[in-house]
Each structure stands twice: as C-alpha cells, then as structure tokens.
Amino acid sequence: MLPKAELKKWFQKLLIHTSVFALSLPTHLTVNMESWLKKFLVLSAFCWECRGDRVLQTKGVETATEGGQITLVCHYETDDPSPYLFWYKQGANDFPKYMLLRFKFGTGDNAADFKERFHADLDSNSKSVPLTIERVQLSDSARYYCALKPTVTTGYTTPLQKHTELHIDNTPVCTVLNTSLKLTQ
C-alpha cells in the first residue's frame, strides 16, 4: 500500500489527466465522463477514509508464570487523531468478551470482570496500547485481541461509531489480531 501522500499525488494526477481527456472528447461523451468521474470521486472518498487503519500484535503464544505479570503489545496505525482501541479476551470454545476501551482523551472503560488486574494506557506518541495483566491466574489462559475502531464526529455531538460490527483481521474498517497467553506453573 502506498503512503497517503503518494496516493494523494497519484489521485491528483489522475484527475488532471481525466479532465484533459474529457475536454478533448465530443460533447455527448464528455457528459457521460463527468457522471462517471463524479461517481468515482464519491466512491474514492469512502475508501480513502478507512485506508491504512490497522493494529499490529505479536502473533503466537506468550508464556507467563502464575502470580506474575505479563504485558501484551499492540501497536496501531491510523490517521485518526482520536482512535478508539479495544482489548477482547476469548477463552477456549467461547466468543470474544469485551475487556476494555482506551482513547486519546480520558481514561477509557474497563468491563466489570476486568477492573482489578487488567490495565492499558494508550500512548499516542508510540501509537501503542499495551495490555498488562497483573497477578496472572490460570483462568487468564486465552486468546487476546486488540482492535482499532475509528470514529466519526459531528460538529455538536459526541463521537458516533462508523460501523456497528467488528471485522476480524485485515479489513479497511478495523483490524483485529490476536495473541494467545499460555501459563506455566
């Protein structure tokens, strides 16, 4: 994937060349080209907004000792100045359960079952939100997912979520990767 600055230059060149080409066409073809170009621009705007958002997590198994502490790393990439980052826990034969949410301004939120031993701080400088589990227990053995979900804000309201569902792995809406935690005694 090209960096955003290169994509912007490429897109501007495309618009200039398309406009020059459209001007040299007969009138009846130029009208159709204009309609096509408008549709292309609208579709591009939707795709442009969600391009490049992803999380990067260590894949594989992390090992911890019961009673100890472990930190699971999650880095993110987004152009959103105020991203929302989530952590989920998925036990064997279970669905992912919401653990906590962190964002740039404020403290975020922890689910009731994850208030005591689970901590994360969003660091916008390093673009990371590491999850620390203190006093590790056997019940902490699970798969842990880090998720990034950009938001849409309007002028006079609180942030609104772009999408209502979470998309797993490498999609433009949001990315979820995972790390498994294995305990030793």
N, C-alpha and C. Protein backbone atom coordinates (compact mmCIF):
# COMPACT_ATOMS: atom_id res chain seq x y z
N MET A 1 0.85 -1.17 0.00
CA MET A 1 0.00 0.00 0.00
C MET A 1 0.90 1.23 0.00
N LEU A 2 0.55 2.20 -0.81
CA LEU A 2 1.30 3.45 -0.89
C LEU A 2 1.00 4.34 0.30
N PRO A 3 1.99 5.15 0.73
CA PRO A 3 1.71 6.13 1.78
C PRO A 3 0.65 7.12 1.31
N LYS A 4 -0.04 7.72 2.26
CA LYS A 4 -1.15 8.61 1.95
C LYS A 4 -0.73 9.77 1.05
N ALA A 5 0.46 10.34 1.25
CA ALA A 5 0.93 11.47 0.44
C ALA A 5 1.10 11.06 -1.02
N GLU A 6 1.66 9.84 -1.25
CA GLU A 6 1.84 9.36 -2.62
C GLU A 6 0.49 9.07 -3.27
N LEU A 7 -0.44 8.50 -2.51
CA LEU A 7 -1.78 8.23 -3.05
C LEU A 7 -2.47 9.52 -3.45
N LYS A 8 -2.30 10.56 -2.64
CA LYS A 8 -2.91 11.85 -2.93
C LYS A 8 -2.35 12.42 -4.24
N LYS A 9 -1.01 12.36 -4.42
CA LYS A 9 -0.39 12.85 -5.65
C LYS A 9 -0.89 12.06 -6.86
N TRP A 10 -0.96 10.73 -6.71
CA TRP A 10 -1.43 9.89 -7.80
C TRP A 10 -2.86 10.24 -8.17
N PHE A 11 -3.69 10.44 -7.15
CA PHE A 11 -5.10 10.76 -7.37
C PHE A 11 -5.24 12.11 -8.07
N GLN A 12 -4.43 13.11 -7.67
CA GLN A 12 -4.47 14.42 -8.31
C GLN A 12 -4.06 14.32 -9.78
N LYS A 13 -3.02 13.53 -10.07
CA LYS A 13 -2.60 13.34 -11.47
C LYS A 13 -3.72 12.69 -12.28
N LEU A 14 -4.38 11.71 -11.67
CA LEU A 14 -5.49 11.04 -12.35
C LEU A 14 -6.59 12.04 -12.70
N LEU A 15 -6.92 12.91 -11.75
CA LEU A 15 -7.96 13.92 -12.00
C LEU A 15 -7.56 14.87 -13.12
N ILE A 16 -6.30 15.31 -13.12
CA ILE A 16 -5.83 16.23 -14.17
C ILE A 16 -5.88 15.56 -15.53
N HIS A 17 -5.35 14.32 -15.63
CA HIS A 17 -5.36 13.62 -16.91
C HIS A 17 -6.78 13.31 -17.38
N THR A 18 -7.64 12.93 -16.45
CA THR A 18 -9.04 12.64 -16.80
C THR A 18 -9.73 13.90 -17.29
N SER A 19 -9.47 15.03 -16.63
CA SER A 19 -10.09 16.30 -17.04
C SER A 19 -9.62 16.71 -18.42
N VAL A 20 -8.32 16.60 -18.69
CA VAL A 20 -7.78 16.95 -20.02
C VAL A 20 -8.38 16.04 -21.07
N PHE A 21 -8.46 14.74 -20.78
CA PHE A 21 -9.04 13.80 -21.72
C PHE A 21 -10.51 14.13 -21.98
N ALA A 22 -11.24 14.46 -20.93
CA ALA A 22 -12.67 14.77 -21.07
C ALA A 22 -12.87 16.02 -21.92
N LEU A 23 -12.00 17.01 -21.81
CA LEU A 23 -12.14 18.23 -22.61
C LEU A 23 -11.92 17.98 -24.09
N SER A 24 -11.13 16.98 -24.43
CA SER A 24 -10.85 16.71 -25.84
C SER A 24 -11.89 15.79 -26.48
N LEU A 25 -12.84 15.30 -25.72
CA LEU A 25 -13.88 14.41 -26.25
C LEU A 25 -15.06 15.21 -26.79
N PRO A 26 -15.83 14.61 -27.71
CA PRO A 26 -17.07 15.25 -28.16
C PRO A 26 -18.00 15.48 -26.98
N THR A 27 -18.89 16.45 -27.10
CA THR A 27 -19.76 16.87 -26.00
C THR A 27 -20.57 15.73 -25.41
N HIS A 28 -21.18 14.88 -26.23
CA HIS A 28 -22.03 13.81 -25.69
C HIS A 28 -21.21 12.80 -24.88
N LEU A 29 -19.95 12.60 -25.18
CA LEU A 29 -19.11 11.70 -24.39
C LEU A 29 -18.61 12.37 -23.12
N THR A 30 -18.39 13.67 -23.16
CA THR A 30 -17.91 14.41 -22.01
C THR A 30 -18.92 14.37 -20.87
N VAL A 31 -20.20 14.46 -21.18
CA VAL A 31 -21.25 14.41 -20.15
C VAL A 31 -21.22 13.07 -19.44
N ASN A 32 -21.08 11.97 -20.19
CA ASN A 32 -21.00 10.64 -19.58
C ASN A 32 -19.74 10.49 -18.73
N MET A 33 -18.65 11.05 -19.22
CA MET A 33 -17.39 11.00 -18.49
C MET A 33 -17.51 11.77 -17.17
N GLU A 34 -18.19 12.89 -17.20
CA GLU A 34 -18.37 13.70 -16.00
C GLU A 34 -19.17 12.92 -14.95
N SER A 35 -20.21 12.25 -15.40
CA SER A 35 -21.04 11.45 -14.49
C SER A 35 -20.20 10.32 -13.88
N TRP A 36 -19.42 9.66 -14.72
CA TRP A 36 -18.56 8.59 -14.25
C TRP A 36 -17.54 9.11 -13.24
N LEU A 37 -16.95 10.26 -13.54
CA LEU A 37 -15.94 10.85 -12.67
C LEU A 37 -16.53 11.21 -11.30
N LYS A 38 -17.74 11.75 -11.29
CA LYS A 38 -18.39 12.09 -10.02
C LYS A 38 -18.60 10.83 -9.17
N LYS A 39 -19.07 9.76 -9.80
CA LYS A 39 -19.28 8.50 -9.07
C LYS A 39 -17.96 7.97 -8.53
N PHE A 40 -16.93 8.06 -9.37
CA PHE A 40 -15.61 7.60 -8.96
C PHE A 40 -15.10 8.38 -7.75
N LEU A 41 -15.29 9.69 -7.77
CA LEU A 41 -14.83 10.53 -6.66
C LEU A 41 -15.57 10.20 -5.37
N VAL A 42 -16.87 9.98 -5.46
CA VAL A 42 -17.66 9.65 -4.27
C VAL A 42 -17.19 8.32 -3.69
N LEU A 43 -17.04 7.31 -4.54
CA LEU A 43 -16.58 6.00 -4.06
C LEU A 43 -15.17 6.09 -3.48
N SER A 44 -14.31 6.86 -4.12
CA SER A 44 -12.94 7.02 -3.63
C SER A 44 -12.91 7.68 -2.26
N ALA A 45 -13.79 8.62 -2.05
CA ALA A 45 -13.84 9.31 -0.75
C ALA A 45 -14.17 8.33 0.37
N PHE A 46 -15.09 7.40 0.10
CA PHE A 46 -15.44 6.41 1.12
C PHE A 46 -14.27 5.49 1.41
N CYS A 47 -13.59 5.04 0.36
CA CYS A 47 -12.46 4.14 0.55
C CYS A 47 -11.27 4.86 1.16
N TRP A 48 -11.07 6.12 0.79
CA TRP A 48 -9.93 6.89 1.28
C TRP A 48 -9.95 7.00 2.80
N GLU A 49 -11.14 7.17 3.36
CA GLU A 49 -11.27 7.42 4.79
C GLU A 49 -10.79 6.26 5.63
N CYS A 50 -10.98 5.03 5.19
CA CYS A 50 -10.66 3.89 6.04
C CYS A 50 -9.35 3.21 5.64
N ARG A 51 -8.65 3.76 4.68
CA ARG A 51 -7.41 3.16 4.22
C ARG A 51 -6.31 3.29 5.28
N GLY A 52 -5.59 2.21 5.53
CA GLY A 52 -4.42 2.28 6.37
C GLY A 52 -4.64 2.07 7.85
N ASP A 53 -5.84 1.90 8.31
CA ASP A 53 -6.08 1.65 9.73
C ASP A 53 -5.82 0.18 10.03
N ARG A 54 -4.92 -0.08 10.99
CA ARG A 54 -4.65 -1.47 11.36
C ARG A 54 -3.96 -1.54 12.71
N VAL A 55 -4.00 -2.73 13.29
CA VAL A 55 -3.27 -2.99 14.52
C VAL A 55 -2.22 -4.05 14.24
N LEU A 56 -1.14 -3.99 15.00
CA LEU A 56 -0.04 -4.94 14.87
C LEU A 56 0.20 -5.55 16.24
N GLN A 57 0.02 -6.86 16.32
CA GLN A 57 0.19 -7.58 17.57
C GLN A 57 1.17 -8.71 17.36
N THR A 58 1.86 -9.08 18.42
CA THR A 58 2.74 -10.24 18.36
C THR A 58 1.87 -11.47 18.16
N LYS A 59 2.14 -12.23 17.11
CA LYS A 59 1.37 -13.45 16.89
C LYS A 59 2.05 -14.60 17.63
N GLY A 60 1.26 -15.57 18.00
CA GLY A 60 1.82 -16.73 18.66
C GLY A 60 1.43 -16.79 20.12
N VAL A 61 2.24 -17.51 20.88
CA VAL A 61 1.92 -17.78 22.28
C VAL A 61 2.89 -17.01 23.18
N GLU A 62 2.35 -16.31 24.13
CA GLU A 62 3.14 -15.65 25.18
C GLU A 62 3.00 -16.52 26.43
N THR A 63 4.08 -16.69 27.15
CA THR A 63 4.06 -17.53 28.34
C THR A 63 4.28 -16.68 29.59
N ALA A 64 3.50 -16.97 30.62
CA ALA A 64 3.61 -16.25 31.89
C ALA A 64 3.57 -17.25 33.04
N THR A 65 4.09 -16.85 34.17
CA THR A 65 4.06 -17.67 35.38
C THR A 65 2.90 -17.22 36.25
N GLU A 66 2.18 -18.20 36.82
CA GLU A 66 1.05 -17.88 37.68
C GLU A 66 1.51 -16.98 38.82
N GLY A 67 0.75 -15.90 39.06
CA GLY A 67 1.10 -14.93 40.09
C GLY A 67 1.99 -13.81 39.59
N GLY A 68 2.54 -13.97 38.40
CA GLY A 68 3.42 -12.96 37.82
C GLY A 68 2.65 -11.90 37.05
N GLN A 69 3.39 -11.20 36.21
CA GLN A 69 2.80 -10.12 35.40
C GLN A 69 3.24 -10.31 33.96
N ILE A 70 2.38 -9.95 33.02
CA ILE A 70 2.73 -10.02 31.61
C ILE A 70 2.13 -8.82 30.89
N THR A 71 2.82 -8.38 29.85
CA THR A 71 2.31 -7.28 29.03
C THR A 71 2.21 -7.77 27.59
N LEU A 72 1.03 -7.65 27.02
CA LEU A 72 0.79 -7.99 25.62
C LEU A 72 0.84 -6.70 24.81
N VAL A 73 1.63 -6.71 23.76
CA VAL A 73 1.89 -5.50 22.98
C VAL A 73 0.89 -5.36 21.84
N CYS A 74 0.45 -4.14 21.61
CA CYS A 74 -0.41 -3.83 20.47
C CYS A 74 -0.04 -2.44 19.96
N HIS A 75 0.43 -2.39 18.72
CA HIS A 75 0.70 -1.11 18.06
C HIS A 75 -0.41 -0.88 17.04
N TYR A 76 -0.70 0.37 16.75
CA TYR A 76 -1.74 0.68 15.78
C TYR A 76 -1.24 1.71 14.77
N GLU A 77 -1.87 1.71 13.60
CA GLU A 77 -1.60 2.69 12.56
C GLU A 77 -2.93 3.27 12.10
N THR A 78 -3.06 4.57 12.20
CA THR A 78 -4.26 5.26 11.74
C THR A 78 -3.95 6.73 11.57
N ASP A 79 -4.72 7.37 10.71
CA ASP A 79 -4.61 8.82 10.56
C ASP A 79 -5.61 9.54 11.45
N ASP A 80 -6.47 8.77 12.11
CA ASP A 80 -7.47 9.35 13.00
C ASP A 80 -6.76 9.96 14.21
N PRO A 81 -6.99 11.23 14.52
CA PRO A 81 -6.32 11.85 15.66
C PRO A 81 -6.85 11.36 17.01
N SER A 82 -8.02 10.75 17.04
CA SER A 82 -8.61 10.26 18.29
C SER A 82 -9.16 8.85 18.12
N PRO A 83 -8.28 7.86 17.93
CA PRO A 83 -8.77 6.50 17.72
C PRO A 83 -9.29 5.85 19.00
N TYR A 84 -10.13 4.86 18.85
CA TYR A 84 -10.62 4.05 19.96
C TYR A 84 -9.94 2.69 19.84
N LEU A 85 -9.31 2.22 20.92
CA LEU A 85 -8.65 0.92 20.92
C LEU A 85 -9.27 0.03 21.98
N PHE A 86 -9.55 -1.20 21.59
CA PHE A 86 -10.24 -2.16 22.45
C PHE A 86 -9.35 -3.37 22.70
N TRP A 87 -9.57 -4.03 23.81
CA TRP A 87 -8.99 -5.35 24.07
C TRP A 87 -10.16 -6.30 24.35
N TYR A 88 -10.04 -7.52 23.78
CA TYR A 88 -11.03 -8.58 23.97
C TYR A 88 -10.30 -9.84 24.42
N LYS A 89 -10.99 -10.68 25.18
CA LYS A 89 -10.44 -11.96 25.64
C LYS A 89 -11.37 -13.06 25.15
N GLN A 90 -10.76 -14.10 24.55
CA GLN A 90 -11.55 -15.23 24.08
C GLN A 90 -11.00 -16.52 24.68
N GLY A 91 -11.79 -17.12 25.57
CA GLY A 91 -11.42 -18.40 26.16
C GLY A 91 -11.68 -19.53 25.18
N ALA A 92 -11.22 -20.74 25.52
CA ALA A 92 -11.44 -21.91 24.67
C ALA A 92 -12.93 -22.14 24.46
N ASN A 93 -13.33 -22.39 23.23
CA ASN A 93 -14.73 -22.65 22.87
C ASN A 93 -15.68 -21.57 23.35
N ASP A 94 -15.25 -20.34 23.32
CA ASP A 94 -16.07 -19.21 23.77
C ASP A 94 -15.98 -18.09 22.73
N PHE A 95 -16.79 -17.09 22.88
CA PHE A 95 -16.75 -15.93 21.99
C PHE A 95 -15.88 -14.85 22.62
N PRO A 96 -15.37 -13.91 21.83
CA PRO A 96 -14.57 -12.82 22.41
C PRO A 96 -15.41 -11.97 23.35
N LYS A 97 -14.84 -11.67 24.51
CA LYS A 97 -15.53 -10.84 25.50
C LYS A 97 -14.80 -9.50 25.62
N TYR A 98 -15.58 -8.45 25.63
CA TYR A 98 -15.03 -7.10 25.77
C TYR A 98 -14.33 -6.96 27.11
N MET A 99 -13.10 -6.45 27.09
CA MET A 99 -12.34 -6.22 28.31
C MET A 99 -12.25 -4.74 28.65
N LEU A 100 -11.73 -3.97 27.69
CA LEU A 100 -11.52 -2.56 27.97
C LEU A 100 -11.41 -1.74 26.69
N LEU A 101 -11.58 -0.44 26.87
CA LEU A 101 -11.51 0.54 25.79
C LEU A 101 -10.58 1.65 26.23
N ARG A 102 -9.73 2.09 25.32
CA ARG A 102 -8.88 3.24 25.59
C ARG A 102 -8.95 4.20 24.41
N PHE A 103 -8.89 5.48 24.73
CA PHE A 103 -8.85 6.50 23.69
C PHE A 103 -7.92 7.60 24.14
N LYS A 104 -7.62 8.52 23.25
CA LYS A 104 -6.59 9.53 23.49
C LYS A 104 -6.91 10.45 24.68
N PHE A 105 -8.15 10.89 24.77
CA PHE A 105 -8.53 11.82 25.83
C PHE A 105 -9.41 11.11 26.83
N GLY A 106 -9.01 11.07 28.08
CA GLY A 106 -9.81 10.41 29.10
C GLY A 106 -9.18 9.08 29.49
N THR A 107 -9.83 8.41 30.42
CA THR A 107 -9.28 7.17 30.95
C THR A 107 -9.79 5.93 30.26
N GLY A 108 -10.89 6.01 29.56
CA GLY A 108 -11.45 4.83 28.91
C GLY A 108 -12.40 4.10 29.82
N ASP A 109 -12.52 2.79 29.59
CA ASP A 109 -13.52 1.99 30.29
C ASP A 109 -13.01 0.56 30.42
N ASN A 110 -13.25 -0.06 31.57
CA ASN A 110 -12.99 -1.48 31.77
C ASN A 110 -14.31 -2.17 32.07
N ALA A 111 -14.51 -3.35 31.48
CA ALA A 111 -15.69 -4.16 31.80
C ALA A 111 -15.57 -4.60 33.26
N ALA A 112 -16.69 -4.92 33.87
CA ALA A 112 -16.74 -5.26 35.30
C ALA A 112 -15.77 -6.37 35.68
N ASP A 113 -15.65 -7.41 34.85
CA ASP A 113 -14.77 -8.54 35.16
C ASP A 113 -13.29 -8.22 34.99
N PHE A 114 -12.98 -7.06 34.44
CA PHE A 114 -11.59 -6.75 34.10
C PHE A 114 -11.11 -5.44 34.73
N LYS A 115 -11.66 -5.08 35.86
CA LYS A 115 -11.30 -3.80 36.50
C LYS A 115 -10.04 -3.89 37.36
N GLU A 116 -9.82 -5.02 38.02
CA GLU A 116 -8.77 -5.11 39.04
C GLU A 116 -7.36 -5.36 38.48
N ARG A 117 -7.17 -6.38 37.69
CA ARG A 117 -5.82 -6.82 37.31
C ARG A 117 -5.41 -6.47 35.88
N PHE A 118 -6.30 -5.87 35.12
CA PHE A 118 -6.05 -5.60 33.70
C PHE A 118 -5.92 -4.10 33.47
N HIS A 119 -4.78 -3.70 32.90
CA HIS A 119 -4.52 -2.28 32.70
C HIS A 119 -3.97 -2.03 31.29
N ALA A 120 -4.34 -0.90 30.74
CA ALA A 120 -3.80 -0.49 29.44
C ALA A 120 -3.82 1.03 29.38
N ASP A 121 -2.80 1.58 28.77
CA ASP A 121 -2.73 3.02 28.53
C ASP A 121 -2.43 3.25 27.07
N LEU A 122 -3.19 4.11 26.44
CA LEU A 122 -2.96 4.45 25.05
C LEU A 122 -1.84 5.48 24.99
N ASP A 123 -0.78 5.15 24.27
CA ASP A 123 0.35 6.07 24.08
C ASP A 123 0.31 6.55 22.63
N SER A 124 -0.18 7.77 22.41
CA SER A 124 -0.33 8.26 21.04
C SER A 124 1.02 8.58 20.39
N ASN A 125 2.07 8.78 21.18
CA ASN A 125 3.40 9.03 20.60
C ASN A 125 3.98 7.77 19.96
N SER A 126 3.91 6.65 20.68
CA SER A 126 4.42 5.39 20.14
C SER A 126 3.33 4.61 19.40
N LYS A 127 2.11 5.15 19.40
CA LYS A 127 0.95 4.51 18.78
C LYS A 127 0.82 3.06 19.26
N SER A 128 0.70 2.92 20.57
CA SER A 128 0.56 1.59 21.15
C SER A 128 -0.43 1.63 22.32
N VAL A 129 -0.99 0.47 22.62
CA VAL A 129 -1.88 0.32 23.77
C VAL A 129 -1.62 -1.06 24.38
N PRO A 130 -0.48 -1.20 25.10
CA PRO A 130 -0.13 -2.49 25.68
C PRO A 130 -1.09 -2.87 26.82
N LEU A 131 -1.43 -4.15 26.87
CA LEU A 131 -2.30 -4.68 27.92
C LEU A 131 -1.43 -5.37 28.96
N THR A 132 -1.53 -4.93 30.21
CA THR A 132 -0.78 -5.55 31.31
C THR A 132 -1.76 -6.33 32.18
N ILE A 133 -1.40 -7.59 32.43
CA ILE A 133 -2.20 -8.45 33.31
C ILE A 133 -1.35 -8.70 34.56
N GLU A 134 -1.86 -8.30 35.70
CA GLU A 134 -1.15 -8.48 36.97
C GLU A 134 -1.68 -9.71 37.69
N ARG A 135 -0.84 -10.29 38.55
CA ARG A 135 -1.22 -11.47 39.33
C ARG A 135 -1.91 -12.50 38.43
N VAL A 136 -1.18 -12.93 37.41
CA VAL A 136 -1.71 -13.83 36.39
C VAL A 136 -2.26 -15.10 37.03
N GLN A 137 -3.45 -15.51 36.54
CA GLN A 137 -4.13 -16.71 37.03
C GLN A 137 -4.30 -17.69 35.88
N LEU A 138 -4.53 -18.95 36.22
CA LEU A 138 -4.75 -19.97 35.21
C LEU A 138 -5.92 -19.61 34.31
N SER A 139 -6.94 -18.97 34.87
CA SER A 139 -8.12 -18.58 34.09
C SER A 139 -7.81 -17.48 33.06
N ASP A 140 -6.62 -16.90 33.13
CA ASP A 140 -6.23 -15.89 32.15
C ASP A 140 -5.74 -16.51 30.84
N SER A 141 -5.57 -17.84 30.82
CA SER A 141 -5.16 -18.52 29.59
C SER A 141 -6.26 -18.34 28.56
N ALA A 142 -5.94 -17.65 27.48
CA ALA A 142 -6.95 -17.33 26.47
C ALA A 142 -6.26 -16.68 25.28
N ARG A 143 -7.05 -16.35 24.31
CA ARG A 143 -6.59 -15.57 23.16
C ARG A 143 -7.02 -14.13 23.41
N TYR A 144 -6.11 -13.17 23.20
CA TYR A 144 -6.38 -11.76 23.44
C TYR A 144 -6.33 -11.00 22.12
N TYR A 145 -7.37 -10.22 21.88
CA TYR A 145 -7.49 -9.46 20.64
C TYR A 145 -7.39 -7.97 20.91
N CYS A 146 -6.59 -7.31 20.12
CA CYS A 146 -6.51 -5.86 20.14
C CYS A 146 -7.27 -5.36 18.91
N ALA A 147 -8.11 -4.36 19.08
CA ALA A 147 -8.91 -3.87 17.95
C ALA A 147 -8.89 -2.35 17.90
N LEU A 148 -8.87 -1.85 16.69
CA LEU A 148 -8.88 -0.41 16.43
C LEU A 148 -10.17 -0.08 15.73
N LYS A 149 -10.86 0.93 16.22
CA LYS A 149 -12.11 1.33 15.58
C LYS A 149 -12.14 2.84 15.49
N PRO A 150 -11.94 3.40 14.30
CA PRO A 150 -12.04 4.85 14.16
C PRO A 150 -13.47 5.32 14.37
N THR A 151 -13.63 6.58 14.68
CA THR A 151 -14.96 7.12 14.92
C THR A 151 -15.24 8.28 13.98
N VAL A 152 -16.49 8.61 13.87
CA VAL A 152 -16.92 9.78 13.11
C VAL A 152 -17.45 10.78 14.10
N THR A 153 -17.04 12.03 14.01
CA THR A 153 -17.59 13.04 14.90
C THR A 153 -18.36 14.06 14.09
N THR A 154 -19.36 14.61 14.72
CA THR A 154 -20.11 15.69 14.08
C THR A 154 -19.84 16.95 14.88
N GLY A 155 -20.20 18.08 14.35
CA GLY A 155 -19.86 19.36 14.96
C GLY A 155 -20.36 19.56 16.37
N TYR A 156 -21.53 19.07 16.71
CA TYR A 156 -22.12 19.42 18.00
C TYR A 156 -22.50 18.21 18.85
N THR A 157 -21.99 17.04 18.50
CA THR A 157 -22.38 15.85 19.26
C THR A 157 -21.15 15.07 19.68
N THR A 158 -21.39 14.03 20.44
CA THR A 158 -20.31 13.14 20.84
C THR A 158 -19.96 12.24 19.65
N PRO A 159 -18.82 11.53 19.72
CA PRO A 159 -18.44 10.67 18.60
C PRO A 159 -19.50 9.61 18.30
N LEU A 160 -19.68 9.33 17.04
CA LEU A 160 -20.59 8.29 16.58
C LEU A 160 -19.75 7.18 15.98
N GLN A 161 -20.12 5.93 16.22
CA GLN A 161 -19.37 4.83 15.65
C GLN A 161 -19.66 4.72 14.16
N LYS A 162 -18.63 4.45 13.37
CA LYS A 162 -18.80 4.29 11.93
C LYS A 162 -19.60 3.03 11.61
N HIS A 163 -19.25 1.93 12.27
CA HIS A 163 -19.88 0.66 11.96
C HIS A 163 -20.31 -0.01 13.27
N THR A 164 -21.32 -0.84 13.19
CA THR A 164 -21.83 -1.47 14.40
C THR A 164 -21.20 -2.83 14.65
N GLU A 165 -20.48 -3.36 13.69
CA GLU A 165 -19.89 -4.67 13.90
C GLU A 165 -18.38 -4.60 13.84
N LEU A 166 -17.74 -5.56 14.43
CA LEU A 166 -16.30 -5.62 14.45
C LEU A 166 -15.86 -6.60 13.37
N HIS A 167 -14.97 -6.17 12.50
CA HIS A 167 -14.47 -7.03 11.43
C HIS A 167 -13.13 -7.60 11.85
N ILE A 168 -12.98 -8.90 11.70
CA ILE A 168 -11.76 -9.55 12.15
C ILE A 168 -10.71 -9.55 11.05
N ASP A 169 -9.49 -9.29 11.46
CA ASP A 169 -8.27 -9.31 10.67
C ASP A 169 -8.18 -8.15 9.70
N ASN A 170 -7.67 -8.33 8.51
CA ASN A 170 -7.15 -7.22 7.71
C ASN A 170 -8.21 -6.54 6.84
N THR A 171 -9.22 -5.91 7.42
CA THR A 171 -10.23 -5.20 6.65
C THR A 171 -10.02 -3.71 6.79
N PRO A 172 -10.56 -2.90 5.85
CA PRO A 172 -10.36 -1.46 5.96
C PRO A 172 -11.11 -0.82 7.12
N VAL A 173 -12.16 -1.47 7.61
CA VAL A 173 -12.95 -0.86 8.67
C VAL A 173 -12.18 -0.87 9.98
N CYS A 174 -11.74 -2.00 10.38
CA CYS A 174 -10.92 -2.10 11.58
C CYS A 174 -10.18 -3.41 11.52
N THR A 175 -9.13 -3.52 12.26
CA THR A 175 -8.31 -4.72 12.21
C THR A 175 -8.21 -5.32 13.60
N VAL A 176 -8.30 -6.63 13.65
CA VAL A 176 -8.16 -7.34 14.91
C VAL A 176 -7.12 -8.43 14.71
N LEU A 177 -6.11 -8.43 15.52
CA LEU A 177 -5.13 -9.51 15.53
C LEU A 177 -5.12 -10.09 16.93
N ASN A 178 -4.42 -11.22 17.10
CA ASN A 178 -4.53 -11.85 18.41
C ASN A 178 -3.20 -12.36 18.93
N THR A 179 -3.16 -12.54 20.22
CA THR A 179 -2.04 -13.16 20.92
C THR A 179 -2.63 -14.14 21.92
N SER A 180 -2.08 -15.34 21.97
CA SER A 180 -2.53 -16.32 22.96
C SER A 180 -1.63 -16.24 24.17
N LEU A 181 -2.18 -16.50 25.33
CA LEU A 181 -1.43 -16.49 26.58
C LEU A 181 -1.46 -17.88 27.17
N LYS A 182 -0.28 -18.45 27.41
CA LYS A 182 -0.17 -19.79 27.99
C LYS A 182 0.51 -19.65 29.34
N LEU A 183 -0.05 -20.24 30.36
CA LEU A 183 0.51 -20.13 31.71
C LEU A 183 1.33 -21.36 32.07
N THR A 184 2.39 -21.14 32.84
CA THR A 184 3.19 -22.24 33.36
C THR A 184 3.13 -22.17 34.88
N GLN A 185 3.26 -23.32 35.51
CA GLN A 185 3.21 -23.34 36.99
C GLN A 185 4.55 -23.69 37.57
